[in-house]
Amino acid sequence: MREDLKNIIKGLPTIPGVYYIFTREDRLIYIGKSNNIRKRLSQHFTCTDRKSIKIQNFASKVTYEPTGSELIALLMESEEIKYYKPIYNRAQRHSIFYYGLYPERTKEGYISLQLRKIDNQTQEINSYLSLKQGKEDLFRITETYKLCQKINGLYKSKTQCFQYTIHECLGACINKEPVHKYNQRVQLYLNKNSFPQDTLLLKLPGRTNNEKGLVLIENGIYKGFGFCPKRSRKDPATFIVPKSDNKDIRRILRSYLKNKNK
């Protein structure tokens, strides 16, 4: 490792935050986030994969923004990458989600989870960069919640699905399982993974011991994040800095809420 890169690492903190890597000409080439900024930059500057080597060759300066929590770091990183479009964040600059997962009712009354192209008029449960990615996730969901591949559009058959023959489906594909019992498991998945439609103020660790981090979802819409003094008597919402709501942000928040409620 170059001596100047070692010196950069030594000057970095071991806290959650977003970091920015610049060239000698002050050109921003990479934005990242970590729960431990110093450790993550050390990995960037010692890894031997193609992307890391390119970053090492051009890196000359690193700045950072403390966030107090991984969630705010993720939200800030996503927004900053889309705004600045650094050259080595190519995959994250243009996150276009083509497919979504939507609940539908079959004529028998079962709740089906269907993959289809994103419909901006309807809120999807989850969104995917490709049909392959969506199918992989739907297969996992179907297995985890003991759902039916035929009902979820993963197995074409006029009779039972293959999973029923090996006792991994309880028979919804042939109307053997009661609708209400099947739908209870689907609803369990929906409750854990759907984006909240009410108002939710998430309280997180702050950048210092005297403040707390805040993330606001209002009536099902992400409004932004901010920081406020722990002893403040003001309405916490007044500390929220407005941010854009998009599918990438919703994926981050869904994942956080899902893990938080485990």
Protein backbone atom coordinates (compact mmCIF):
# COMPACT_ATOMS: atom_id res chain seq x y z
CA MET A 1 0.00 0.00 0.00
CA ARG A 2 1.24 3.49 -0.84
CA GLU A 3 2.44 5.52 2.13
CA ASP A 4 -0.05 8.33 1.46
CA LEU A 5 -2.94 5.84 1.52
CA LYS A 6 -1.72 4.50 4.88
CA ASN A 7 -1.74 8.05 6.23
CA ILE A 8 -5.27 8.60 4.93
CA ILE A 9 -6.49 5.50 6.76
CA LYS A 10 -4.82 6.55 10.02
CA GLY A 11 -6.76 9.80 10.01
CA LEU A 12 -10.18 8.18 9.61
CA PRO A 13 -12.62 7.38 12.46
CA THR A 14 -14.11 3.99 13.34
CA ILE A 15 -17.73 5.24 13.23
CA PRO A 16 -20.75 4.79 10.91
CA GLY A 17 -20.86 7.18 8.00
CA VAL A 18 -20.56 7.94 4.30
CA TYR A 19 -17.12 8.47 2.76
CA TYR A 20 -15.97 10.16 -0.45
CA ILE A 21 -12.81 9.25 -2.37
CA PHE A 22 -11.16 11.95 -4.52
CA THR A 23 -8.27 12.10 -7.00
CA ARG A 24 -5.36 14.57 -6.79
CA GLU A 25 -7.42 16.87 -9.00
CA ASP A 26 -10.30 16.75 -6.47
CA ARG A 27 -12.45 14.64 -8.76
CA LEU A 28 -14.93 12.52 -6.82
CA ILE A 29 -14.55 8.91 -7.99
CA TYR A 30 -16.30 6.81 -5.33
CA ILE A 31 -18.89 7.10 -2.55
CA GLY A 32 -19.44 4.38 0.03
CA LYS A 33 -20.89 3.75 3.47
CA SER A 34 -19.79 1.69 6.45
CA ASN A 35 -20.37 1.07 10.13
CA ASN A 36 -16.59 1.49 10.49
CA ILE A 37 -15.20 4.01 8.00
CA ARG A 38 -11.52 3.32 8.73
CA LYS A 39 -11.93 -0.46 8.38
CA ARG A 40 -13.84 -0.14 5.10
CA LEU A 41 -11.27 2.20 3.55
CA SER A 42 -8.51 -0.15 4.62
CA GLN A 43 -10.28 -2.88 2.66
CA HIS A 44 -10.58 -0.62 -0.40
CA PHE A 45 -6.86 0.14 -0.29
CA THR A 46 -5.68 -3.47 0.23
CA CYS A 47 -8.09 -5.54 -1.90
CA THR A 48 -6.74 -6.84 -5.21
CA ASP A 49 -9.94 -6.99 -7.28
CA ARG A 50 -10.05 -4.91 -10.45
CA LYS A 51 -12.28 -2.14 -9.09
CA SER A 52 -10.27 -1.72 -5.86
CA ILE A 53 -6.99 -1.48 -7.76
CA LYS A 54 -8.43 1.28 -9.95
CA ILE A 55 -9.59 3.18 -6.87
CA GLN A 56 -6.14 2.74 -5.27
CA ASN A 57 -4.41 4.08 -8.39
CA PHE A 58 -6.40 7.31 -8.39
CA ALA A 59 -7.22 7.88 -4.70
CA SER A 60 -5.53 10.88 -3.11
CA LYS A 61 -8.00 12.23 -0.54
CA VAL A 62 -10.92 10.94 1.53
CA THR A 63 -13.61 12.97 3.27
CA TYR A 64 -16.52 11.61 5.29
CA GLU A 65 -19.86 12.45 6.88
CA PRO A 66 -20.72 10.75 10.20
CA THR A 67 -24.28 9.40 10.33
CA GLY A 68 -24.57 7.71 13.73
CA SER A 69 -26.31 4.66 12.24
CA GLU A 70 -26.06 2.29 9.31
CA LEU A 71 -29.60 3.10 8.13
CA ILE A 72 -28.94 6.82 7.68
CA ALA A 73 -25.59 5.93 6.06
CA LEU A 74 -27.43 3.75 3.53
CA LEU A 75 -30.03 6.45 2.81
CA MET A 76 -27.38 9.14 2.42
CA GLU A 77 -25.14 6.95 0.27
CA SER A 78 -27.98 6.13 -2.13
CA GLU A 79 -28.93 9.79 -2.54
CA GLU A 80 -25.33 11.02 -2.92
CA ILE A 81 -24.44 8.42 -5.55
CA LYS A 82 -27.45 9.34 -7.68
CA TYR A 83 -26.61 13.03 -7.36
CA TYR A 84 -22.84 12.96 -7.96
CA LYS A 85 -22.65 9.81 -10.16
CA PRO A 86 -19.02 8.87 -9.32
CA ILE A 87 -17.30 6.80 -12.00
CA TYR A 88 -16.68 3.76 -9.77
CA ASN A 89 -20.26 3.60 -8.48
CA ARG A 90 -21.49 2.69 -11.93
CA ALA A 91 -23.82 -0.11 -10.81
CA GLN A 92 -25.55 2.08 -8.22
CA ARG A 93 -25.85 5.24 -10.34
CA HIS A 94 -28.65 3.89 -12.49
CA SER A 95 -30.67 1.50 -10.33
CA ILE A 96 -33.70 0.95 -12.54
CA PHE A 97 -36.17 -1.56 -11.18
CA TYR A 98 -38.04 -3.26 -14.01
CA TYR A 99 -40.10 -5.85 -12.12
CA GLY A 100 -42.25 -5.73 -9.01
CA LEU A 101 -43.98 -8.25 -6.75
CA TYR A 102 -47.72 -7.68 -6.37
CA PRO A 103 -50.49 -9.46 -4.41
CA GLU A 104 -53.49 -10.66 -6.44
CA ARG A 105 -56.51 -12.82 -5.69
CA THR A 106 -57.22 -15.98 -7.61
CA LYS A 107 -60.81 -16.78 -8.52
CA GLU A 108 -60.80 -19.30 -5.65
CA GLY A 109 -59.78 -16.55 -3.21
CA TYR A 110 -56.13 -17.44 -2.61
CA ILE A 111 -53.69 -14.52 -2.40
CA SER A 112 -51.17 -14.96 -5.20
CA LEU A 113 -47.78 -13.22 -5.30
CA GLN A 114 -47.16 -12.26 -8.92
CA LEU A 115 -44.09 -10.89 -10.67
CA ARG A 116 -44.82 -8.36 -13.37
CA LYS A 117 -43.37 -5.23 -14.90
CA ILE A 118 -43.37 -2.25 -12.56
CA ASP A 119 -46.72 -0.50 -12.46
CA ASN A 120 -46.27 3.03 -11.15
CA GLN A 121 -49.98 3.22 -10.37
CA THR A 122 -49.75 0.42 -7.79
CA GLN A 123 -47.38 0.03 -4.84
CA GLU A 124 -45.30 -3.14 -5.22
CA ILE A 125 -44.25 -5.26 -2.21
CA ASN A 126 -40.71 -5.42 -3.55
CA SER A 127 -38.89 -4.36 -6.71
CA TYR A 128 -36.17 -6.03 -8.76
CA LEU A 129 -33.54 -5.12 -11.32
CA SER A 130 -34.36 -8.19 -13.43
CA LEU A 131 -36.93 -10.96 -13.83
CA LYS A 132 -34.28 -13.50 -12.77
CA GLN A 133 -33.65 -11.64 -9.51
CA GLY A 134 -37.39 -11.47 -8.86
CA LYS A 135 -37.93 -15.18 -9.51
CA GLU A 136 -35.08 -16.14 -7.19
CA ASP A 137 -36.65 -14.08 -4.42
CA LEU A 138 -40.15 -15.42 -5.10
CA PHE A 139 -38.90 -19.03 -4.99
CA ARG A 140 -37.31 -18.25 -1.60
CA ILE A 141 -40.50 -16.61 -0.29
CA THR A 142 -42.64 -19.50 -1.54
CA GLU A 143 -40.41 -22.05 0.19
CA THR A 144 -40.06 -20.07 3.44
CA TYR A 145 -43.79 -19.52 3.89
CA LYS A 146 -44.85 -22.91 2.48
CA LEU A 147 -46.78 -21.31 -0.36
CA CYS A 148 -47.73 -22.81 -3.71
CA GLN A 149 -45.47 -22.41 -6.75
CA LYS A 150 -48.45 -22.80 -9.09
CA ILE A 151 -50.47 -20.06 -7.39
CA ASN A 152 -47.41 -17.78 -7.43
CA GLY A 153 -46.86 -18.33 -11.15
CA LEU A 154 -43.64 -20.31 -10.76
CA TYR A 155 -44.98 -23.68 -11.92
CA LYS A 156 -47.35 -24.16 -14.84
CA SER A 157 -49.75 -27.05 -14.41
CA LYS A 158 -53.40 -27.83 -14.91
CA THR A 159 -53.35 -30.04 -11.82
CA GLN A 160 -51.22 -29.96 -8.66
CA CYS A 161 -47.78 -28.39 -8.50
CA PHE A 162 -44.66 -30.53 -8.21
CA GLN A 163 -44.07 -29.30 -4.65
CA TYR A 164 -47.36 -30.92 -3.61
CA THR A 165 -46.12 -34.34 -4.78
CA ILE A 166 -43.09 -34.04 -2.47
CA HIS A 167 -45.21 -32.69 0.42
CA GLU A 168 -43.80 -29.13 0.35
CA CYS A 169 -47.11 -27.58 -0.76
CA LEU A 170 -50.23 -28.08 1.36
CA GLY A 171 -52.57 -28.41 -1.62
CA ALA A 172 -53.77 -24.91 -2.44
CA CYS A 173 -53.04 -25.67 -6.10
CA ILE A 174 -55.88 -28.21 -6.11
CA ASN A 175 -58.11 -26.31 -3.64
CA LYS A 176 -57.30 -28.84 -0.93
CA GLU A 177 -55.93 -26.35 1.62
CA PRO A 178 -58.54 -23.98 3.11
CA VAL A 179 -58.25 -20.49 1.63
CA HIS A 180 -58.08 -18.76 5.01
CA LYS A 181 -55.19 -20.92 6.24
CA TYR A 182 -53.14 -20.35 3.07
CA ASN A 183 -53.86 -16.63 3.10
CA GLN A 184 -52.77 -16.35 6.74
CA ARG A 185 -49.23 -17.31 5.70
CA VAL A 186 -49.27 -14.93 2.74
CA GLN A 187 -50.50 -12.15 5.02
CA LEU A 188 -47.68 -12.91 7.45
CA TYR A 189 -45.20 -12.30 4.63
CA LEU A 190 -47.02 -9.13 3.52
CA ASN A 191 -47.09 -7.73 7.06
CA LYS A 192 -43.34 -8.23 7.41
CA ASN A 193 -42.36 -6.89 4.00
CA SER A 194 -44.85 -4.31 2.76
CA PHE A 195 -43.84 -0.65 2.94
CA PRO A 196 -45.70 1.02 5.85
CA GLN A 197 -48.65 3.11 4.72
CA ASP A 198 -49.02 5.01 7.98
CA THR A 199 -46.73 7.58 9.63
CA LEU A 200 -43.57 6.25 11.24
CA LEU A 201 -40.74 8.16 12.93
CA LEU A 202 -37.64 5.99 13.37
CA LYS A 203 -35.33 7.01 16.22
CA LEU A 204 -31.70 6.02 15.79
CA PRO A 205 -28.28 6.70 17.37
CA GLY A 206 -26.99 10.18 16.65
CA ARG A 207 -23.57 11.35 15.53
CA THR A 208 -22.76 12.26 19.15
CA ASN A 209 -24.01 11.10 22.55
CA ASN A 210 -26.13 14.24 22.83
CA GLU A 211 -28.28 13.73 19.73
CA LYS A 212 -30.41 11.15 18.01
CA GLY A 213 -30.95 10.34 14.37
CA LEU A 214 -34.44 10.48 12.85
CA VAL A 215 -36.01 8.98 9.73
CA LEU A 216 -39.57 9.96 8.80
CA ILE A 217 -42.13 8.03 6.76
CA GLU A 218 -45.37 10.03 6.51
CA ASN A 219 -48.58 8.46 5.20
CA GLY A 220 -46.57 5.84 3.33
CA ILE A 221 -44.07 8.30 1.81
CA TYR A 222 -40.41 8.63 2.80
CA LYS A 223 -39.85 12.26 3.80
CA GLY A 224 -36.17 12.31 4.79
CA PHE A 225 -33.83 12.09 7.76
CA GLY A 226 -32.25 14.43 10.28
CA PHE A 227 -30.66 14.80 13.70
CA CYS A 228 -31.97 16.46 16.84
CA PRO A 229 -30.71 17.08 20.40
CA LYS A 230 -31.84 14.34 22.80
CA ARG A 231 -33.40 16.86 25.18
CA SER A 232 -35.11 18.95 22.53
CA ARG A 233 -38.77 19.77 23.16
CA LYS A 234 -39.43 20.72 19.54
CA ASP A 235 -41.48 18.55 17.23
CA PRO A 236 -38.96 15.94 15.92
CA ALA A 237 -40.38 16.33 12.41
CA THR A 238 -38.97 19.89 12.27
CA PHE A 239 -35.45 18.41 12.22
CA ILE A 240 -36.14 16.29 9.13
CA VAL A 241 -34.26 17.39 6.00
CA PRO A 242 -36.52 16.65 2.98
CA LYS A 243 -35.27 13.88 0.69
CA SER A 244 -36.54 12.12 -2.43
CA ASP A 245 -38.70 9.01 -2.19
CA ASN A 246 -37.76 6.33 -4.73
CA LYS A 247 -37.73 2.56 -5.15
CA ASP A 248 -34.11 2.20 -4.04
CA ILE A 249 -34.84 4.09 -0.81
CA ARG A 250 -37.92 1.96 -0.20
CA ARG A 251 -35.87 -1.22 -0.60
CA ILE A 252 -33.46 0.06 2.05
CA LEU A 253 -36.26 0.95 4.46
CA ARG A 254 -38.18 -2.30 3.87
CA SER A 255 -35.03 -4.29 4.61
CA TYR A 256 -34.34 -2.29 7.78
CA LEU A 257 -37.92 -2.64 9.08
CA LYS A 258 -38.00 -6.35 8.25
CA ASN A 259 -34.80 -7.01 10.24
CA LYS A 260 -35.90 -4.69 13.05
CA ASN A 261 -39.14 -6.64 13.52
CA LYS A 262 -37.55 -10.08 13.57
